[in-house]
PDB file of N, CA and C in Angstrom:
ATOM      1  N   MET A   1     -52.751  14.861 -18.178  1.00  0.00           N
ATOM      2  CA  MET A   1     -51.918  13.977 -17.654  1.00  0.00           C
ATOM      3  C   MET A   1     -50.561  13.466 -18.469  1.00  0.00           C
ATOM      4  N   LYS A   2     -49.218  13.578 -18.220  1.00  0.00           N
ATOM      5  CA  LYS A   2     -48.701  13.123 -18.803  1.00  0.00           C
ATOM      6  C   LYS A   2     -47.829  11.243 -18.875  1.00  0.00           C
ATOM      7  N   GLU A   3     -47.564  10.569 -19.507  1.00  0.00           N
ATOM      8  CA  GLU A   3     -47.710   9.547 -19.705  1.00  0.00           C
ATOM      9  C   GLU A   3     -45.859   8.822 -20.030  1.00  0.00           C
ATOM     10  N   ILE A   4     -45.410   8.219 -19.295  1.00  0.00           N
ATOM     11  CA  ILE A   4     -44.806   8.223 -19.448  1.00  0.00           C
ATOM     12  C   ILE A   4     -43.470   6.922 -19.441  1.00  0.00           C
ATOM     13  N   HIS A   5     -42.735   5.940 -20.205  1.00  0.00           N
ATOM     14  CA  HIS A   5     -42.298   5.084 -20.204  1.00  0.00           C
ATOM     15  C   HIS A   5     -41.097   4.568 -19.204  1.00  0.00           C
ATOM     16  N   ALA A   6     -41.284   3.410 -18.368  1.00  0.00           N
ATOM     17  CA  ALA A   6     -40.527   3.205 -17.511  1.00  0.00           C
ATOM     18  C   ALA A   6     -39.196   3.264 -17.509  1.00  0.00           C
ATOM     19  N   HIS A   7     -39.293   2.971 -18.601  1.00  0.00           N
ATOM     20  CA  HIS A   7     -37.290   3.201 -19.114  1.00  0.00           C
ATOM     21  C   HIS A   7     -37.045   4.676 -18.716  1.00  0.00           C
ATOM     22  N   GLU A   8     -37.410   4.986 -18.868  1.00  0.00           N
ATOM     23  CA  GLU A   8     -36.956   6.837 -18.768  1.00  0.00           C
ATOM     24  C   GLU A   8     -36.758   6.728 -17.258  1.00  0.00           C
ATOM     25  N   VAL A   9     -37.486   5.796 -16.174  1.00  0.00           N
ATOM     26  CA  VAL A   9     -37.080   5.580 -14.643  1.00  0.00           C
ATOM     27  C   VAL A   9     -36.295   5.270 -14.474  1.00  0.00           C
ATOM     28  N   LEU A  10     -35.610   4.037 -15.135  1.00  0.00           N
ATOM     29  CA  LEU A  10     -34.560   3.222 -14.856  1.00  0.00           C
ATOM     30  C   LEU A  10     -33.205   4.034 -15.476  1.00  0.00           C
ATOM     31  N   HIS A  11     -33.326   4.733 -16.171  1.00  0.00           N
ATOM     32  CA  HIS A  11     -32.222   5.440 -17.102  1.00  0.00           C
ATOM     33  C   HIS A  11     -32.109   6.573 -15.953  1.00  0.00           C
ATOM     34  N   MET A  12     -33.324   7.453 -15.316  1.00  0.00           N
ATOM     35  CA  MET A  12     -32.576   8.695 -14.329  1.00  0.00           C
ATOM     36  C   MET A  12     -31.911   7.869 -13.077  1.00  0.00           C
ATOM     37  N   MET A  13     -32.271   5.986 -13.171  1.00  0.00           N
ATOM     38  CA  MET A  13     -32.025   5.609 -11.864  1.00  0.00           C
ATOM     39  C   MET A  13     -30.052   5.699 -12.010  1.00  0.00           C
ATOM     40  N   GLU A  14     -29.766   5.244 -12.660  1.00  0.00           N
ATOM     41  CA  GLU A  14     -28.395   4.877 -13.461  1.00  0.00           C
ATOM     42  C   GLU A  14     -27.177   5.411 -12.588  1.00  0.00           C
ATOM     43  N   GLY A  15     -26.674   4.932 -11.675  1.00  0.00           N
ATOM     44  CA  GLY A  15     -25.562   5.561 -11.073  1.00  0.00           C
ATOM     45  C   GLY A  15     -25.965   6.633  -9.909  1.00  0.00           C
ATOM     46  N   HIS A  16     -27.174   5.721  -9.057  1.00  0.00           N
ATOM     47  CA  HIS A  16     -27.760   6.590  -7.746  1.00  0.00           C
ATOM     48  C   HIS A  16     -27.961   4.848  -7.015  1.00  0.00           C
ATOM     49  N   ASN A  17     -27.828   5.098  -5.875  1.00  0.00           N
ATOM     50  CA  ASN A  17     -28.526   4.552  -4.953  1.00  0.00           C
ATOM     51  C   ASN A  17     -30.004   5.318  -4.364  1.00  0.00           C
ATOM     52  N   TYR A  18     -30.835   4.355  -3.809  1.00  0.00           N
ATOM     53  CA  TYR A  18     -32.457   5.078  -3.603  1.00  0.00           C
ATOM     54  C   TYR A  18     -32.859   4.080  -2.298  1.00  0.00           C
ATOM     55  N   SER A  19     -33.436   4.486  -1.586  1.00  0.00           N
ATOM     56  CA  SER A  19     -34.512   3.748  -0.764  1.00  0.00           C
ATOM     57  C   SER A  19     -36.062   4.277  -1.596  1.00  0.00           C
ATOM     58  N   GLU A  20     -37.463   3.096  -1.428  1.00  0.00           N
ATOM     59  CA  GLU A  20     -38.494   3.259  -1.714  1.00  0.00           C
ATOM     60  C   GLU A  20     -38.664   5.036  -2.002  1.00  0.00           C
ATOM     61  N   GLU A  21     -38.516   5.740  -0.296  1.00  0.00           N
ATOM     62  CA  GLU A  21     -38.966   6.911  -0.406  1.00  0.00           C
ATOM     63  C   GLU A  21     -38.520   8.141  -0.990  1.00  0.00           C
ATOM     64  N   THR A  22     -36.969   7.715  -1.710  1.00  0.00           N
ATOM     65  CA  THR A  22     -36.017   8.732  -2.053  1.00  0.00           C
ATOM     66  C   THR A  22     -35.951   8.348  -3.684  1.00  0.00           C
ATOM     67  N   LEU A  23     -36.503   7.053  -3.839  1.00  0.00           N
ATOM     68  CA  LEU A  23     -36.640   6.795  -5.353  1.00  0.00           C
ATOM     69  C   LEU A  23     -37.836   7.808  -5.709  1.00  0.00           C
ATOM     70  N   LYS A  24     -39.057   7.296  -4.895  1.00  0.00           N
ATOM     71  CA  LYS A  24     -40.560   8.278  -5.086  1.00  0.00           C
ATOM     72  C   LYS A  24     -40.134   9.833  -5.545  1.00  0.00           C
ATOM     73  N   GLU A  25     -39.239  10.375  -4.699  1.00  0.00           N
ATOM     74  CA  GLU A  25     -39.078  11.734  -4.682  1.00  0.00           C
ATOM     75  C   GLU A  25     -38.574  11.779  -5.320  1.00  0.00           C
ATOM     76  N   ALA A  26     -37.274  10.961  -6.260  1.00  0.00           N
ATOM     77  CA  ALA A  26     -36.484  11.724  -7.133  1.00  0.00           C
ATOM     78  C   ALA A  26     -37.938  11.493  -8.631  1.00  0.00           C
ATOM     79  N   ILE A  27     -38.212  10.610  -8.538  1.00  0.00           N
ATOM     80  CA  ILE A  27     -39.609  10.699  -9.216  1.00  0.00           C
ATOM     81  C   ILE A  27     -40.458  11.655  -9.578  1.00  0.00           C
ATOM     82  N   ILE A  28     -41.310  12.317  -8.472  1.00  0.00           N
ATOM     83  CA  ILE A  28     -41.862  13.306  -8.741  1.00  0.00           C
ATOM     84  C   ILE A  28     -41.137  14.630  -8.755  1.00  0.00           C
ATOM     85  N   ARG A  29     -39.645  15.116  -8.430  1.00  0.00           N
ATOM     86  CA  ARG A  29     -38.993  16.042  -8.705  1.00  0.00           C
ATOM     87  C   ARG A  29     -38.859  15.762 -10.972  1.00  0.00           C
ATOM     88  N   GLN A  30     -38.400  14.339 -10.710  1.00  0.00           N
ATOM     89  CA  GLN A  30     -37.914  14.469 -12.230  1.00  0.00           C
ATOM     90  C   GLN A  30     -39.178  14.585 -13.973  1.00  0.00           C
ATOM     91  N   PHE A  31     -40.433  14.153 -12.953  1.00  0.00           N
ATOM     92  CA  PHE A  31     -41.916  14.002 -14.043  1.00  0.00           C
ATOM     93  C   PHE A  31     -42.440  14.555 -13.326  1.00  0.00           C
ATOM     94  N   GLY A  32     -43.070  14.420 -12.261  1.00  0.00           N
ATOM     95  CA  GLY A  32     -44.194  15.308 -11.417  1.00  0.00           C
ATOM     96  C   GLY A  32     -44.930  14.554 -10.905  1.00  0.00           C
ATOM     97  N   GLU A  33     -45.715  15.031 -10.317  1.00  0.00           N
ATOM     98  CA  GLU A  33     -46.087  13.940  -9.269  1.00  0.00           C
ATOM     99  C   GLU A  33     -47.472  13.256  -9.551  1.00  0.00           C
ATOM    100  N   GLU A  34     -48.179  13.523 -10.460  1.00  0.00           N
ATOM    101  CA  GLU A  34     -49.372  13.299 -11.204  1.00  0.00           C
ATOM    102  C   GLU A  34     -48.799  11.961 -12.891  1.00  0.00           C
ATOM    103  N   SER A  35     -47.912  12.476 -13.355  1.00  0.00           N
ATOM    104  CA  SER A  35     -47.596  11.659 -14.326  1.00  0.00           C
ATOM    105  C   SER A  35     -47.664  10.005 -13.690  1.00  0.00           C
ATOM    106  N   ARG A  36     -47.998   9.324 -15.166  1.00  0.00           N
ATOM    107  CA  ARG A  36     -48.578   8.174 -15.024  1.00  0.00           C
ATOM    108  C   ARG A  36     -47.174   7.527 -15.911  1.00  0.00           C
ATOM    109  N   PHE A  37     -47.118   6.180 -15.701  1.00  0.00           N
ATOM    110  CA  PHE A  37     -46.203   5.312 -16.376  1.00  0.00           C
ATOM    111  C   PHE A  37     -46.747   4.503 -17.458  1.00  0.00           C
ATOM    112  N   TYR A  38     -46.023   4.053 -18.128  1.00  0.00           N
ATOM    113  CA  TYR A  38     -46.634   2.364 -18.917  1.00  0.00           C
ATOM    114  C   TYR A  38     -45.076   1.924 -19.216  1.00  0.00           C
ATOM    115  N   THR A  39     -45.780   0.403 -19.424  1.00  0.00           N
ATOM    116  CA  THR A  39     -44.672  -0.352 -20.075  1.00  0.00           C
ATOM    117  C   THR A  39     -44.967  -1.553 -20.886  1.00  0.00           C
ATOM    118  N   CYS A  40     -44.456  -2.595 -21.357  1.00  0.00           N
ATOM    119  CA  CYS A  40     -44.875  -3.459 -22.197  1.00  0.00           C
ATOM    120  C   CYS A  40     -46.094  -4.390 -22.142  1.00  0.00           C
ATOM    121  N   SER A  41     -45.883  -4.301 -20.806  1.00  0.00           N
ATOM    122  CA  SER A  41     -47.000  -5.291 -20.022  1.00  0.00           C
ATOM    123  C   SER A  41     -48.456  -4.352 -19.520  1.00  0.00           C
ATOM    124  N   ALA A  42     -47.545  -3.446 -18.669  1.00  0.00           N
ATOM    125  CA  ALA A  42     -48.840  -2.285 -18.133  1.00  0.00           C
ATOM    126  C   ALA A  42     -49.256  -0.804 -18.471  1.00  0.00           C
ATOM    127  N   ASN A  43     -49.757  -0.175 -18.345  1.00  0.00           N
ATOM    128  CA  ASN A  43     -49.932   1.057 -18.350  1.00  0.00           C
ATOM    129  C   ASN A  43     -50.767   2.063 -17.168  1.00  0.00           C
ATOM    130  N   ASN A  44     -50.822   2.778 -17.100  1.00  0.00           N
ATOM    131  CA  ASN A  44     -51.723   3.856 -16.228  1.00  0.00           C
ATOM    132  C   ASN A  44     -51.197   3.846 -15.004  1.00  0.00           C
ATOM    133  N   MET A  45     -49.592   2.982 -14.656  1.00  0.00           N
ATOM    134  CA  MET A  45     -49.342   2.737 -13.237  1.00  0.00           C
ATOM    135  C   MET A  45     -49.303   4.759 -12.948  1.00  0.00           C
ATOM    136  N   ASP A  46     -49.562   4.671 -11.264  1.00  0.00           N
ATOM    137  CA  ASP A  46     -48.695   6.173 -10.087  1.00  0.00           C
ATOM    138  C   ASP A  46     -47.129   5.222  -9.800  1.00  0.00           C
ATOM    139  N   ILE A  47     -46.810   6.648  -9.398  1.00  0.00           N
ATOM    140  CA  ILE A  47     -45.426   6.335  -8.770  1.00  0.00           C
ATOM    141  C   ILE A  47     -45.362   4.853  -7.689  1.00  0.00           C
ATOM    142  N   ASP A  48     -46.382   4.904  -7.521  1.00  0.00           N
ATOM    143  CA  ASP A  48     -46.348   3.776  -6.019  1.00  0.00           C
ATOM    144  C   ASP A  48     -46.399   2.747  -6.929  1.00  0.00           C
ATOM    145  N   THR A  49     -47.072   2.140  -7.925  1.00  0.00           N
ATOM    146  CA  THR A  49     -47.218   1.167  -8.430  1.00  0.00           C
ATOM    147  C   THR A  49     -46.390   0.846  -9.303  1.00  0.00           C
ATOM    148  N   LEU A  50     -45.592   2.014 -10.050  1.00  0.00           N
ATOM    149  CA  LEU A  50     -44.543   1.806 -10.660  1.00  0.00           C
ATOM    150  C   LEU A  50     -43.589   1.171  -9.901  1.00  0.00           C
ATOM    151  N   ILE A  51     -43.037   1.566  -8.455  1.00  0.00           N
ATOM    152  CA  ILE A  51     -41.812   1.093  -8.125  1.00  0.00           C
ATOM    153  C   ILE A  51     -42.513  -0.289  -7.578  1.00  0.00           C
ATOM    154  N   VAL A  52     -43.528  -0.710  -7.030  1.00  0.00           N
ATOM    155  CA  VAL A  52     -43.849  -1.923  -6.616  1.00  0.00           C
ATOM    156  C   VAL A  52     -43.453  -3.131  -8.092  1.00  0.00           C
ATOM    157  N   PHE A  53     -44.284  -2.555  -8.958  1.00  0.00           N
ATOM    158  CA  PHE A  53     -44.247  -3.435 -10.409  1.00  0.00           C
ATOM    159  C   PHE A  53     -42.437  -3.775 -10.755  1.00  0.00           C
ATOM    160  N   LEU A  54     -41.847  -2.356 -10.336  1.00  0.00           N
ATOM    161  CA  LEU A  54     -40.365  -2.602 -10.755  1.00  0.00           C
ATOM    162  C   LEU A  54     -39.813  -3.120 -10.078  1.00  0.00           C
ATOM    163  N   LYS A  55     -39.815  -3.401  -8.999  1.00  0.00           N
ATOM    164  CA  LYS A  55     -39.054  -4.320  -8.019  1.00  0.00           C
ATOM    165  C   LYS A  55     -40.089  -5.809  -8.037  1.00  0.00           C
ATOM    166  N   ARG A  56     -40.671  -6.135  -8.836  1.00  0.00           N
ATOM    167  CA  ARG A  56     -41.503  -7.400  -9.160  1.00  0.00           C
ATOM    168  C   ARG A  56     -41.215  -7.961 -10.007  1.00  0.00           C
ATOM    169  N   LYS A  57     -40.656  -7.118 -11.324  1.00  0.00           N
ATOM    170  CA  LYS A  57     -39.993  -7.391 -12.506  1.00  0.00           C
ATOM    171  C   LYS A  57     -38.433  -7.559 -12.103  1.00  0.00           C
ATOM    172  N   GLY A  58     -37.541  -7.193 -11.319  1.00  0.00           N
ATOM    173  CA  GLY A  58     -36.546  -8.000 -10.959  1.00  0.00           C
ATOM    174  C   GLY A  58     -35.555  -6.323 -11.569  1.00  0.00           C
ATOM    175  N   LYS A  59     -35.671  -5.129 -11.046  1.00  0.00           N
ATOM    176  CA  LYS A  59     -34.958  -4.274 -12.447  1.00  0.00           C
ATOM    177  C   LYS A  59     -34.274  -3.959 -11.169  1.00  0.00           C
ATOM    178  N   PHE A  60     -34.557  -3.947  -9.960  1.00  0.00           N
ATOM    179  CA  PHE A  60     -33.667  -3.164  -9.254  1.00  0.00           C
ATOM    180  C   PHE A  60     -32.292  -4.395  -8.462  1.00  0.00           C
ATOM    181  N   LEU A  61     -31.437  -4.016  -8.673  1.00  0.00           N
ATOM    182  CA  LEU A  61     -30.198  -4.626  -7.618  1.00  0.00           C
ATOM    183  C   LEU A  61     -29.860  -3.999  -6.272  1.00  0.00           C
ATOM    184  N   ASN A  62     -29.593  -4.842  -5.285  1.00  0.00           N
ATOM    185  CA  ASN A  62     -29.705  -4.093  -4.505  1.00  0.00           C
ATOM    186  C   ASN A  62     -27.998  -3.877  -3.483  1.00  0.00           C
ATOM    187  N   THR A  63     -27.822  -2.915  -2.961  1.00  0.00           N
ATOM    188  CA  THR A  63     -26.880  -2.029  -2.550  1.00  0.00           C
ATOM    189  C   THR A  63     -26.303  -1.567  -0.797  1.00  0.00           C
ATOM    190  N   ASN A  64     -25.486  -1.464  -0.745  1.00  0.00           N
ATOM    191  CA  ASN A  64     -25.067  -1.324   0.619  1.00  0.00           C
ATOM    192  C   ASN A  64     -25.898  -0.128   1.031  1.00  0.00           C
ATOM    193  N   ASN A  65     -26.411   0.737   0.250  1.00  0.00           N
ATOM    194  CA  ASN A  65     -26.949   1.870   0.475  1.00  0.00           C
ATOM    195  C   ASN A  65     -28.349   1.960   0.211  1.00  0.00           C
ATOM    196  N   GLY A  66     -29.194   0.236  -0.139  1.00  0.00           N
ATOM    197  CA  GLY A  66     -30.486   0.448  -0.497  1.00  0.00           C
ATOM    198  C   GLY A  66     -30.643   0.105  -1.665  1.00  0.00           C
ATOM    199  N   PHE A  67     -31.083   0.505  -3.176  1.00  0.00           N
ATOM    200  CA  PHE A  67     -30.911  -0.265  -4.293  1.00  0.00           C
ATOM    201  C   PHE A  67     -30.471   1.138  -5.189  1.00  0.00           C
ATOM    202  N   THR A  68     -30.296   0.245  -6.906  1.00  0.00           N
ATOM    203  CA  THR A  68     -30.232   0.958  -7.562  1.00  0.00           C
ATOM    204  C   THR A  68     -30.683   0.607  -9.069  1.00  0.00           C
ATOM    205  N   VAL A  69     -31.013   0.636 -10.257  1.00  0.00           N
ATOM    206  CA  VAL A  69     -30.747  -0.008 -11.130  1.00  0.00           C
ATOM    207  C   VAL A  69     -29.859  -1.465 -11.741  1.00  0.00           C
ATOM    208  N   ASP A  70     -30.794  -2.080 -12.162  1.00  0.00           N
ATOM    209  CA  ASP A  70     -29.691  -3.966 -12.473  1.00  0.00           C
ATOM    210  C   ASP A  70     -30.276  -3.242 -14.158  1.00  0.00           C
ATOM    211  N   THR A  71     -29.165  -2.449 -14.242  1.00  0.00           N
ATOM    212  CA  THR A  71     -28.662  -2.163 -15.942  1.00  0.00           C
ATOM    213  C   THR A  71     -28.523  -3.509 -17.316  1.00  0.00           C
ATOM    214  N   SER A  72     -28.517  -4.742 -16.540  1.00  0.00           N
ATOM    215  CA  SER A  72     -28.186  -5.912 -16.895  1.00  0.00           C
ATOM    216  C   SER A  72     -30.457  -6.252 -17.476  1.00  0.00           C
ATOM    217  N   LYS A  73     -31.049  -5.682 -16.805  1.00  0.00           N
ATOM    218  CA  LYS A  73     -32.403  -5.976 -16.959  1.00  0.00           C
ATOM    219  C   LYS A  73     -32.665  -5.192 -17.354  1.00  0.00           C
ATOM    220  N   VAL A  74     -32.557  -4.025 -18.251  1.00  0.00           N
ATOM    221  CA  VAL A  74     -33.229  -2.984 -18.696  1.00  0.00           C
ATOM    222  C   VAL A  74     -33.226  -3.239 -20.155  1.00  0.00           C
ATOM    223  N   CYS A  75     -34.278  -3.160 -21.149  1.00  0.00           N
ATOM    224  CA  CYS A  75     -34.471  -3.592 -22.291  1.00  0.00           C
ATOM    225  C   CYS A  75     -34.694  -2.060 -23.006  1.00  0.00           C
ATOM    226  N   ASN A  76     -34.012  -2.251 -24.160  1.00  0.00           N
ATOM    227  CA  ASN A  76     -34.174  -0.597 -24.833  1.00  0.00           C
ATOM    228  C   ASN A  76     -34.899  -0.663 -25.816  1.00  0.00           C
ATOM    229  N   HIS A  77     -36.252  -1.086 -26.195  1.00  0.00           N
ATOM    230  CA  HIS A  77     -37.364  -1.085 -27.081  1.00  0.00           C
ATOM    231  C   HIS A  77     -38.050  -0.336 -27.044  1.00  0.00           C
TER     232      HIS A  77
END
């Protein structure tokens, strides 16, 4: 099982708008359905858990067409 830092997902989102469903589809295409994700404060997250986590942390910016990544809230460590 591959573990990927959540920053990879946030960078993938740059310049694109998503709904929760289209974001999930894009993550599956990019990283695979069985991938697990981690951050500094959480690990072993599946895709659904990751999306909820990022939303709760305020990493998404609402747009007219759904949401995108709020690049001002992406740390680069």
